[in-house]
All heavy atoms as atom14 arrays in JSON, in Angstrom:
{
  "sequence": "QVRSEALKITWPSRRETAISTAMVLVMVVFAALFFFAADQLIGWLIR",
  "atom14_mask": [
    [1, 1, 1, 1, 1, 1, 1, 1, 1, 0, 0, 0, 0, 0],
    [1, 1, 1, 1, 1, 1, 1, 0, 0, 0, 0, 0, 0, 0],
    [1, 1, 1, 1, 1, 1, 1, 1, 1, 1, 1, 0, 0, 0],
    [1, 1, 1, 1, 1, 1, 0, 0, 0, 0, 0, 0, 0, 0],
    [1, 1, 1, 1, 1, 1, 1, 1, 1, 0, 0, 0, 0, 0],
    [1, 1, 1, 1, 1, 0, 0, 0, 0, 0, 0, 0, 0, 0],
    [1, 1, 1, 1, 1, 1, 1, 1, 0, 0, 0, 0, 0, 0],
    [1, 1, 1, 1, 1, 1, 1, 1, 1, 0, 0, 0, 0, 0],
    [1, 1, 1, 1, 1, 1, 1, 1, 0, 0, 0, 0, 0, 0],
    [1, 1, 1, 1, 1, 1, 1, 0, 0, 0, 0, 0, 0, 0],
    [1, 1, 1, 1, 1, 1, 1, 1, 1, 1, 1, 1, 1, 1],
    [1, 1, 1, 1, 1, 1, 1, 0, 0, 0, 0, 0, 0, 0],
    [1, 1, 1, 1, 1, 1, 0, 0, 0, 0, 0, 0, 0, 0],
    [1, 1, 1, 1, 1, 1, 1, 1, 1, 1, 1, 0, 0, 0],
    [1, 1, 1, 1, 1, 1, 1, 1, 1, 1, 1, 0, 0, 0],
    [1, 1, 1, 1, 1, 1, 1, 1, 1, 0, 0, 0, 0, 0],
    [1, 1, 1, 1, 1, 1, 1, 0, 0, 0, 0, 0, 0, 0],
    [1, 1, 1, 1, 1, 0, 0, 0, 0, 0, 0, 0, 0, 0],
    [1, 1, 1, 1, 1, 1, 1, 1, 0, 0, 0, 0, 0, 0],
    [1, 1, 1, 1, 1, 1, 0, 0, 0, 0, 0, 0, 0, 0],
    [1, 1, 1, 1, 1, 1, 1, 0, 0, 0, 0, 0, 0, 0],
    [1, 1, 1, 1, 1, 0, 0, 0, 0, 0, 0, 0, 0, 0],
    [1, 1, 1, 1, 1, 1, 1, 1, 0, 0, 0, 0, 0, 0],
    [1, 1, 1, 1, 1, 1, 1, 0, 0, 0, 0, 0, 0, 0],
    [1, 1, 1, 1, 1, 1, 1, 1, 0, 0, 0, 0, 0, 0],
    [1, 1, 1, 1, 1, 1, 1, 0, 0, 0, 0, 0, 0, 0],
    [1, 1, 1, 1, 1, 1, 1, 1, 0, 0, 0, 0, 0, 0],
    [1, 1, 1, 1, 1, 1, 1, 0, 0, 0, 0, 0, 0, 0],
    [1, 1, 1, 1, 1, 1, 1, 0, 0, 0, 0, 0, 0, 0],
    [1, 1, 1, 1, 1, 1, 1, 1, 1, 1, 1, 0, 0, 0],
    [1, 1, 1, 1, 1, 0, 0, 0, 0, 0, 0, 0, 0, 0],
    [1, 1, 1, 1, 1, 0, 0, 0, 0, 0, 0, 0, 0, 0],
    [1, 1, 1, 1, 1, 1, 1, 1, 0, 0, 0, 0, 0, 0],
    [1, 1, 1, 1, 1, 1, 1, 1, 1, 1, 1, 0, 0, 0],
    [1, 1, 1, 1, 1, 1, 1, 1, 1, 1, 1, 0, 0, 0],
    [1, 1, 1, 1, 1, 1, 1, 1, 1, 1, 1, 0, 0, 0],
    [1, 1, 1, 1, 1, 0, 0, 0, 0, 0, 0, 0, 0, 0],
    [1, 1, 1, 1, 1, 0, 0, 0, 0, 0, 0, 0, 0, 0],
    [1, 1, 1, 1, 1, 1, 1, 1, 0, 0, 0, 0, 0, 0],
    [1, 1, 1, 1, 1, 1, 1, 1, 1, 0, 0, 0, 0, 0],
    [1, 1, 1, 1, 1, 1, 1, 1, 0, 0, 0, 0, 0, 0],
    [1, 1, 1, 1, 1, 1, 1, 1, 0, 0, 0, 0, 0, 0],
    [1, 1, 1, 1, 0, 0, 0, 0, 0, 0, 0, 0, 0, 0],
    [1, 1, 1, 1, 1, 1, 1, 1, 1, 1, 1, 1, 1, 1],
    [1, 1, 1, 1, 1, 1, 1, 1, 0, 0, 0, 0, 0, 0],
    [1, 1, 1, 1, 1, 1, 1, 1, 0, 0, 0, 0, 0, 0],
    [1, 1, 1, 1, 1, 1, 1, 1, 1, 1, 1, 0, 0, 0]
  ],
  "atom14_positions": [
    [[186.07, 81.09, 62.87], [186.61, 79.92, 63.56], [185.52, 79.23, 64.37], [185.45, 77.99, 64.4], [187.77, 80.33, 64.47], [189.01, 80.76, 63.72], [190.08, 81.31, 64.63], [189.86, 81.56, 65.82], [191.26, 81.52, 64.07], [0.0, 0.0, 0.0], [0.0, 0.0, 0.0], [0.0, 0.0, 0.0], [0.0, 0.0, 0.0], [0.0, 0.0, 0.0]],
    [[184.67, 80.01, 65.02], [183.56, 79.44, 65.79], [182.63, 78.66, 64.88], [182.23, 77.53, 65.18], [182.79, 80.54, 66.56], [181.49, 80.01, 67.12], [183.66, 81.14, 67.65], [0.0, 0.0, 0.0], [0.0, 0.0, 0.0], [0.0, 0.0, 0.0], [0.0, 0.0, 0.0], [0.0, 0.0, 0.0], [0.0, 0.0, 0.0], [0.0, 0.0, 0.0]],
    [[182.29, 79.24, 63.72], [181.41, 78.56, 62.77], [182.06, 77.28, 62.26], [181.39, 76.23, 62.15], [181.08, 79.49, 61.61], [180.06, 78.92, 60.66], [179.58, 79.98, 59.67], [178.51, 79.47, 58.85], [178.67, 78.77, 57.73], [179.87, 78.48, 57.3], [177.62, 78.36, 57.05], [0.0, 0.0, 0.0], [0.0, 0.0, 0.0], [0.0, 0.0, 0.0]],
    [[183.35, 77.34, 61.99], [184.06, 76.16, 61.51], [184.03, 75.04, 62.54], [183.82, 73.87, 62.21], [185.51, 76.54, 61.19], [186.28, 75.42, 60.92], [0.0, 0.0, 0.0], [0.0, 0.0, 0.0], [0.0, 0.0, 0.0], [0.0, 0.0, 0.0], [0.0, 0.0, 0.0], [0.0, 0.0, 0.0], [0.0, 0.0, 0.0], [0.0, 0.0, 0.0]],
    [[184.24, 75.39, 63.8], [184.19, 74.38, 64.87], [182.77, 73.86, 65.07], [182.57, 72.68, 65.33], [184.73, 74.96, 66.18], [186.21, 75.23, 66.17], [187.04, 73.98, 65.98], [186.71, 72.93, 66.56], [188.03, 74.06, 65.23], [0.0, 0.0, 0.0], [0.0, 0.0, 0.0], [0.0, 0.0, 0.0], [0.0, 0.0, 0.0], [0.0, 0.0, 0.0]],
    [[181.78, 74.73, 64.96], [180.38, 74.31, 65.14], [179.96, 73.32, 64.06], [179.13, 72.43, 64.32], [179.46, 75.52, 65.14], [0.0, 0.0, 0.0], [0.0, 0.0, 0.0], [0.0, 0.0, 0.0], [0.0, 0.0, 0.0], [0.0, 0.0, 0.0], [0.0, 0.0, 0.0], [0.0, 0.0, 0.0], [0.0, 0.0, 0.0], [0.0, 0.0, 0.0]],
    [[180.52, 73.44, 62.87], [180.17, 72.51, 61.79], [180.74, 71.11, 62.04], [180.3, 70.15, 61.42], [180.67, 73.04, 60.45], [179.95, 74.29, 59.94], [180.64, 74.82, 58.67], [178.49, 74.01, 59.68], [0.0, 0.0, 0.0], [0.0, 0.0, 0.0], [0.0, 0.0, 0.0], [0.0, 0.0, 0.0], [0.0, 0.0, 0.0], [0.0, 0.0, 0.0]],
    [[181.68, 70.98, 62.96], [182.28, 69.67, 63.26], [181.44, 68.85, 64.24], [181.71, 67.69, 64.47], [183.68, 69.86, 63.86], [184.67, 70.46, 62.9], [186.02, 70.66, 63.58], [187.01, 71.37, 62.69], [188.29, 71.61, 63.38], [0.0, 0.0, 0.0], [0.0, 0.0, 0.0], [0.0, 0.0, 0.0], [0.0, 0.0, 0.0], [0.0, 0.0, 0.0]],
    [[180.42, 69.49, 64.82], [179.59, 68.8, 65.81], [178.75, 67.73, 65.13], [178.13, 67.97, 64.09], [178.66, 69.8, 66.54], [179.49, 70.82, 67.31], [177.68, 69.08, 67.45], [178.68, 71.95, 67.88], [0.0, 0.0, 0.0], [0.0, 0.0, 0.0], [0.0, 0.0, 0.0], [0.0, 0.0, 0.0], [0.0, 0.0, 0.0], [0.0, 0.0, 0.0]],
    [[178.74, 66.53, 65.71], [177.87, 65.47, 65.21], [176.8, 65.19, 66.26], [177.11, 64.93, 67.43], [178.66, 64.17, 64.94], [179.32, 63.78, 66.13], [179.67, 64.38, 63.83], [0.0, 0.0, 0.0], [0.0, 0.0, 0.0], [0.0, 0.0, 0.0], [0.0, 0.0, 0.0], [0.0, 0.0, 0.0], [0.0, 0.0, 0.0], [0.0, 0.0, 0.0]],
    [[175.57, 65.3, 65.87], [174.45, 65.09, 66.78], [174.05, 63.62, 66.74], [174.11, 62.98, 65.71], [173.27, 65.98, 66.38], [173.6, 67.42, 66.53], [173.98, 68.28, 65.55], [173.59, 68.18, 67.74], [174.22, 69.52, 66.07], [173.98, 69.5, 67.41], [173.31, 67.88, 69.07], [174.09, 70.5, 68.36], [173.41, 68.88, 70.01], [173.79, 70.17, 69.67]],
    [[173.57, 63.08, 67.88], [173.13, 61.69, 67.9], [171.86, 61.52, 67.08], [171.05, 62.44, 66.96], [172.88, 61.41, 69.38], [172.64, 62.74, 69.99], [173.45, 63.72, 69.2], [0.0, 0.0, 0.0], [0.0, 0.0, 0.0], [0.0, 0.0, 0.0], [0.0, 0.0, 0.0], [0.0, 0.0, 0.0], [0.0, 0.0, 0.0], [0.0, 0.0, 0.0]],
    [[171.69, 60.31, 66.55], [170.48, 60.01, 65.79], [169.3, 59.83, 66.76], [169.48, 59.73, 67.97], [170.67, 58.73, 64.98], [170.79, 57.62, 65.85], [0.0, 0.0, 0.0], [0.0, 0.0, 0.0], [0.0, 0.0, 0.0], [0.0, 0.0, 0.0], [0.0, 0.0, 0.0], [0.0, 0.0, 0.0], [0.0, 0.0, 0.0], [0.0, 0.0, 0.0]],
    [[168.12, 59.75, 66.21], [166.92, 59.55, 67.03], [167.02, 58.22, 67.79], [166.67, 58.13, 68.96], [165.67, 59.58, 66.15], [164.38, 59.44, 66.93], [163.18, 59.54, 66.0], [163.06, 60.83, 65.36], [162.39, 61.87, 65.88], [161.79, 61.74, 67.03], [162.31, 63.0, 65.23], [0.0, 0.0, 0.0], [0.0, 0.0, 0.0], [0.0, 0.0, 0.0]],
    [[167.55, 57.2, 67.11], [167.69, 55.87, 67.73], [168.69, 55.93, 68.89], [168.44, 55.37, 69.96], [168.15, 54.86, 66.68], [168.25, 53.45, 67.21], [168.58, 52.47, 66.07], [168.58, 51.1, 66.54], [169.67, 50.49, 67.04], [170.81, 51.12, 67.11], [169.58, 49.25, 67.46], [0.0, 0.0, 0.0], [0.0, 0.0, 0.0], [0.0, 0.0, 0.0]],
    [[169.82, 56.58, 68.68], [170.82, 56.69, 69.75], [170.27, 57.46, 70.95], [170.52, 57.09, 72.1], [172.08, 57.4, 69.23], [172.88, 56.58, 68.24], [173.98, 57.38, 67.57], [173.83, 58.61, 67.41], [174.98, 56.75, 67.2], [0.0, 0.0, 0.0], [0.0, 0.0, 0.0], [0.0, 0.0, 0.0], [0.0, 0.0, 0.0], [0.0, 0.0, 0.0]],
    [[169.5, 58.5, 70.67], [168.89, 59.28, 71.75], [167.89, 58.44, 72.53], [167.86, 58.48, 73.77], [168.21, 60.54, 71.18], [169.18, 61.29, 70.45], [167.63, 61.39, 72.28], [0.0, 0.0, 0.0], [0.0, 0.0, 0.0], [0.0, 0.0, 0.0], [0.0, 0.0, 0.0], [0.0, 0.0, 0.0], [0.0, 0.0, 0.0], [0.0, 0.0, 0.0]],
    [[167.07, 57.66, 71.83], [166.08, 56.81, 72.49], [166.75, 55.74, 73.34], [166.33, 55.49, 74.48], [165.16, 56.17, 71.45], [0.0, 0.0, 0.0], [0.0, 0.0, 0.0], [0.0, 0.0, 0.0], [0.0, 0.0, 0.0], [0.0, 0.0, 0.0], [0.0, 0.0, 0.0], [0.0, 0.0, 0.0], [0.0, 0.0, 0.0], [0.0, 0.0, 0.0]],
    [[167.81, 55.12, 72.82], [168.51, 54.08, 73.57], [169.16, 54.67, 74.82], [169.07, 54.11, 75.92], [169.56, 53.37, 72.68], [168.85, 52.51, 71.64], [170.51, 52.54, 73.51], [169.78, 51.95, 70.58], [0.0, 0.0, 0.0], [0.0, 0.0, 0.0], [0.0, 0.0, 0.0], [0.0, 0.0, 0.0], [0.0, 0.0, 0.0], [0.0, 0.0, 0.0]],
    [[169.8, 55.83, 74.67], [170.44, 56.48, 75.82], [169.41, 56.87, 76.89], [169.64, 56.68, 78.08], [171.2, 57.72, 75.37], [172.24, 57.37, 74.5], [0.0, 0.0, 0.0], [0.0, 0.0, 0.0], [0.0, 0.0, 0.0], [0.0, 0.0, 0.0], [0.0, 0.0, 0.0], [0.0, 0.0, 0.0], [0.0, 0.0, 0.0], [0.0, 0.0, 0.0]],
    [[168.28, 57.37, 76.44], [167.21, 57.75, 77.38], [166.71, 56.53, 78.13], [166.52, 56.57, 79.35], [166.06, 58.44, 76.62], [166.58, 59.59, 75.96], [164.95, 58.85, 77.57], [0.0, 0.0, 0.0], [0.0, 0.0, 0.0], [0.0, 0.0, 0.0], [0.0, 0.0, 0.0], [0.0, 0.0, 0.0], [0.0, 0.0, 0.0], [0.0, 0.0, 0.0]],
    [[166.49, 55.43, 77.42], [166.01, 54.2, 78.06], [167.03, 53.69, 79.07], [166.67, 53.26, 80.17], [165.72, 53.14, 77.01], [0.0, 0.0, 0.0], [0.0, 0.0, 0.0], [0.0, 0.0, 0.0], [0.0, 0.0, 0.0], [0.0, 0.0, 0.0], [0.0, 0.0, 0.0], [0.0, 0.0, 0.0], [0.0, 0.0, 0.0], [0.0, 0.0, 0.0]],
    [[168.31, 53.75, 78.71], [169.35, 53.29, 79.63], [169.38, 54.14, 80.9], [169.52, 53.62, 82.01], [170.72, 53.32, 78.94], [170.87, 52.26, 77.86], [172.37, 52.42, 76.89], [173.63, 52.31, 78.13], [0.0, 0.0, 0.0], [0.0, 0.0, 0.0], [0.0, 0.0, 0.0], [0.0, 0.0, 0.0], [0.0, 0.0, 0.0], [0.0, 0.0, 0.0]],
    [[169.23, 55.44, 80.74], [169.22, 56.33, 81.91], [168.02, 56.01, 82.8], [168.16, 55.93, 84.03], [169.21, 57.81, 81.47], [168.89, 58.73, 82.64], [170.55, 58.18, 80.85], [0.0, 0.0, 0.0], [0.0, 0.0, 0.0], [0.0, 0.0, 0.0], [0.0, 0.0, 0.0], [0.0, 0.0, 0.0], [0.0, 0.0, 0.0], [0.0, 0.0, 0.0]],
    [[166.86, 55.82, 82.21], [165.66, 55.52, 83.01], [165.8, 54.19, 83.75], [165.42, 54.09, 84.93], [164.43, 55.51, 82.11], [164.02, 56.88, 81.55], [162.85, 56.73, 80.58], [163.69, 57.85, 82.66], [0.0, 0.0, 0.0], [0.0, 0.0, 0.0], [0.0, 0.0, 0.0], [0.0, 0.0, 0.0], [0.0, 0.0, 0.0], [0.0, 0.0, 0.0]],
    [[166.37, 53.18, 83.1], [166.58, 51.88, 83.76], [167.55, 52.05, 84.93], [167.32, 51.52, 86.03], [167.09, 50.83, 82.75], [167.62, 49.61, 83.44], [165.98, 50.47, 81.77], [0.0, 0.0, 0.0], [0.0, 0.0, 0.0], [0.0, 0.0, 0.0], [0.0, 0.0, 0.0], [0.0, 0.0, 0.0], [0.0, 0.0, 0.0], [0.0, 0.0, 0.0]],
    [[168.63, 52.79, 84.73], [169.61, 52.99, 85.81], [169.0, 53.79, 86.97], [169.32, 53.53, 88.13], [170.85, 53.69, 85.27], [171.67, 52.82, 84.34], [172.13, 51.22, 85.05], [173.17, 51.73, 86.39], [0.0, 0.0, 0.0], [0.0, 0.0, 0.0], [0.0, 0.0, 0.0], [0.0, 0.0, 0.0], [0.0, 0.0, 0.0], [0.0, 0.0, 0.0]],
    [[168.12, 54.73, 86.67], [167.45, 55.5, 87.73], [166.57, 54.58, 88.56], [166.55, 54.67, 89.79], [166.64, 56.67, 87.12], [165.66, 57.24, 88.12], [167.57, 57.74, 86.61], [0.0, 0.0, 0.0], [0.0, 0.0, 0.0], [0.0, 0.0, 0.0], [0.0, 0.0, 0.0], [0.0, 0.0, 0.0], [0.0, 0.0, 0.0], [0.0, 0.0, 0.0]],
    [[165.86, 53.67, 87.9], [165.0, 52.71, 88.63], [165.86, 51.81, 89.52], [165.55, 51.59, 90.7], [164.14, 51.89, 87.65], [163.47, 50.72, 88.36], [163.1, 52.78, 87.0], [0.0, 0.0, 0.0], [0.0, 0.0, 0.0], [0.0, 0.0, 0.0], [0.0, 0.0, 0.0], [0.0, 0.0, 0.0], [0.0, 0.0, 0.0], [0.0, 0.0, 0.0]],
    [[166.98, 51.29, 88.97], [167.88, 50.44, 89.77], [168.43, 51.21, 90.97], [168.48, 50.69, 92.08], [169.03, 49.89, 88.93], [168.64, 48.73, 88.06], [169.21, 48.6, 86.8], [167.73, 47.77, 88.47], [168.87, 47.53, 85.98], [167.38, 46.71, 87.66], [167.95, 46.59, 86.41], [0.0, 0.0, 0.0], [0.0, 0.0, 0.0], [0.0, 0.0, 0.0]],
    [[168.85, 52.45, 90.75], [169.4, 53.25, 91.84], [168.33, 53.51, 92.9], [168.6, 53.43, 94.11], [169.95, 54.58, 91.31], [0.0, 0.0, 0.0], [0.0, 0.0, 0.0], [0.0, 0.0, 0.0], [0.0, 0.0, 0.0], [0.0, 0.0, 0.0], [0.0, 0.0, 0.0], [0.0, 0.0, 0.0], [0.0, 0.0, 0.0], [0.0, 0.0, 0.0]],
    [[167.12, 53.81, 92.47], [166.03, 54.07, 93.42], [165.74, 52.83, 94.26], [165.57, 52.91, 95.48], [164.77, 54.52, 92.69], [0.0, 0.0, 0.0], [0.0, 0.0, 0.0], [0.0, 0.0, 0.0], [0.0, 0.0, 0.0], [0.0, 0.0, 0.0], [0.0, 0.0, 0.0], [0.0, 0.0, 0.0], [0.0, 0.0, 0.0], [0.0, 0.0, 0.0]],
    [[165.69, 51.67, 93.62], [165.44, 50.42, 94.36], [166.57, 50.11, 95.32], [166.34, 49.7, 96.46], [165.23, 49.27, 93.38], [163.95, 49.32, 92.54], [163.96, 48.22, 91.49], [162.73, 49.23, 93.43], [0.0, 0.0, 0.0], [0.0, 0.0, 0.0], [0.0, 0.0, 0.0], [0.0, 0.0, 0.0], [0.0, 0.0, 0.0], [0.0, 0.0, 0.0]],
    [[167.82, 50.33, 94.87], [168.96, 50.08, 95.74], [168.91, 50.97, 96.98], [169.07, 50.5, 98.11], [170.27, 50.31, 94.98], [171.47, 50.31, 95.89], [171.99, 49.11, 96.36], [172.05, 51.5, 96.27], [173.08, 49.12, 97.23], [173.14, 51.51, 97.12], [173.66, 50.31, 97.6], [0.0, 0.0, 0.0], [0.0, 0.0, 0.0], [0.0, 0.0, 0.0]],
    [[168.71, 52.27, 96.79], [168.7, 53.18, 97.93], [167.49, 52.96, 98.83], [167.58, 53.13, 100.06], [168.78, 54.64, 97.46], [170.15, 55.01, 96.98], [170.36, 55.35, 95.66], [171.24, 54.98, 97.83], [171.62, 55.67, 95.21], [172.51, 55.29, 97.39], [172.71, 55.64, 96.07], [0.0, 0.0, 0.0], [0.0, 0.0, 0.0], [0.0, 0.0, 0.0]],
    [[166.36, 52.54, 98.27], [165.2, 52.19, 99.1], [165.53, 50.99, 99.98], [165.26, 51.0, 101.18], [163.98, 51.9, 98.21], [162.8, 51.43, 99.0], [162.05, 52.33, 99.73], [162.43, 50.09, 99.02], [160.96, 51.9, 100.48], [161.35, 49.65, 99.74], [160.6, 50.57, 100.47], [0.0, 0.0, 0.0], [0.0, 0.0, 0.0], [0.0, 0.0, 0.0]],
    [[166.14, 49.96, 99.38], [166.5, 48.76, 100.14], [167.55, 49.08, 101.2], [167.44, 48.62, 102.34], [167.01, 47.67, 99.2], [0.0, 0.0, 0.0], [0.0, 0.0, 0.0], [0.0, 0.0, 0.0], [0.0, 0.0, 0.0], [0.0, 0.0, 0.0], [0.0, 0.0, 0.0], [0.0, 0.0, 0.0], [0.0, 0.0, 0.0], [0.0, 0.0, 0.0]],
    [[168.54, 49.88, 100.85], [169.58, 50.25, 101.81], [168.97, 51.04, 102.97], [169.31, 50.81, 104.13], [170.67, 51.06, 101.12], [0.0, 0.0, 0.0], [0.0, 0.0, 0.0], [0.0, 0.0, 0.0], [0.0, 0.0, 0.0], [0.0, 0.0, 0.0], [0.0, 0.0, 0.0], [0.0, 0.0, 0.0], [0.0, 0.0, 0.0], [0.0, 0.0, 0.0]],
    [[168.06, 51.95, 102.67], [167.4, 52.75, 103.71], [166.58, 51.86, 104.64], [166.62, 52.01, 105.87], [166.51, 53.8, 103.06], [165.83, 54.69, 104.09], [166.55, 55.27, 104.92], [164.59, 54.8, 104.04], [0.0, 0.0, 0.0], [0.0, 0.0, 0.0], [0.0, 0.0, 0.0], [0.0, 0.0, 0.0], [0.0, 0.0, 0.0], [0.0, 0.0, 0.0]],
    [[165.84, 50.91, 104.06], [165.05, 50.01, 104.88], [165.94, 49.15, 105.78], [165.64, 48.95, 106.96], [164.18, 49.11, 103.99], [163.11, 49.86, 103.23], [162.12, 50.55, 104.14], [161.61, 49.98, 105.08], [161.87, 51.82, 103.86], [0.0, 0.0, 0.0], [0.0, 0.0, 0.0], [0.0, 0.0, 0.0], [0.0, 0.0, 0.0], [0.0, 0.0, 0.0]],
    [[167.04, 48.64, 105.23], [167.97, 47.81, 105.99], [168.61, 48.6, 107.13], [168.67, 48.13, 108.28], [169.05, 47.23, 105.07], [170.11, 46.37, 105.77], [169.47, 45.12, 106.35], [171.22, 46.02, 104.8], [0.0, 0.0, 0.0], [0.0, 0.0, 0.0], [0.0, 0.0, 0.0], [0.0, 0.0, 0.0], [0.0, 0.0, 0.0], [0.0, 0.0, 0.0]],
    [[169.07, 49.8, 106.85], [169.7, 50.62, 107.89], [168.69, 50.97, 108.97], [168.99, 50.93, 110.17], [170.34, 51.88, 107.27], [171.54, 51.48, 106.41], [170.75, 52.87, 108.34], [172.09, 52.59, 105.55], [0.0, 0.0, 0.0], [0.0, 0.0, 0.0], [0.0, 0.0, 0.0], [0.0, 0.0, 0.0], [0.0, 0.0, 0.0], [0.0, 0.0, 0.0]],
    [[167.47, 51.31, 108.56], [166.42, 51.62, 109.55], [166.12, 50.43, 110.43], [165.96, 50.56, 111.65], [0.0, 0.0, 0.0], [0.0, 0.0, 0.0], [0.0, 0.0, 0.0], [0.0, 0.0, 0.0], [0.0, 0.0, 0.0], [0.0, 0.0, 0.0], [0.0, 0.0, 0.0], [0.0, 0.0, 0.0], [0.0, 0.0, 0.0], [0.0, 0.0, 0.0]],
    [[166.06, 49.25, 109.82], [165.79, 48.02, 110.59], [166.93, 47.75, 111.58], [166.68, 47.4, 112.74], [165.62, 46.84, 109.63], [165.4, 45.53, 110.32], [164.25, 45.1, 110.91], [166.38, 44.51, 110.51], [164.44, 43.85, 111.45], [165.75, 43.47, 111.22], [167.71, 44.37, 110.15], [166.42, 42.31, 111.59], [168.37, 43.22, 110.51], [167.73, 42.2, 111.23]],
    [[168.18, 47.91, 111.13], [169.33, 47.69, 112.02], [169.35, 48.68, 113.18], [169.63, 48.3, 114.32], [170.64, 47.78, 111.23], [170.91, 46.63, 110.27], [172.13, 46.95, 109.41], [171.11, 45.33, 111.04], [0.0, 0.0, 0.0], [0.0, 0.0, 0.0], [0.0, 0.0, 0.0], [0.0, 0.0, 0.0], [0.0, 0.0, 0.0], [0.0, 0.0, 0.0]],
    [[169.02, 49.92, 112.92], [169.0, 50.93, 113.98], [167.91, 50.61, 114.98], [168.11, 50.69, 116.2], [168.84, 52.34, 113.4], [170.13, 52.75, 112.69], [168.48, 53.36, 114.48], [170.06, 54.07, 111.96], [0.0, 0.0, 0.0], [0.0, 0.0, 0.0], [0.0, 0.0, 0.0], [0.0, 0.0, 0.0], [0.0, 0.0, 0.0], [0.0, 0.0, 0.0]],
    [[166.73, 50.23, 114.5], [165.64, 49.86, 115.41], [166.03, 48.63, 116.24], [165.73, 48.54, 117.42], [164.36, 49.58, 114.63], [163.66, 50.83, 114.15], [162.27, 50.58, 113.61], [162.26, 49.65, 112.49], [162.45, 50.01, 111.22], [162.66, 51.26, 110.92], [162.42, 49.1, 110.27], [0.0, 0.0, 0.0], [0.0, 0.0, 0.0], [0.0, 0.0, 0.0]]
  ]
}
């Protein structure tokens, strides 16, 4: 039964993996910029 279920797995293609990786990296950059800006703004307001 385990082997039968394992054969049902579909792996992403190389293209799908590359696109997903690029999307994750872009979102990480956006998140980093957002949190940097938020941190700077909060620090400025506190000062």
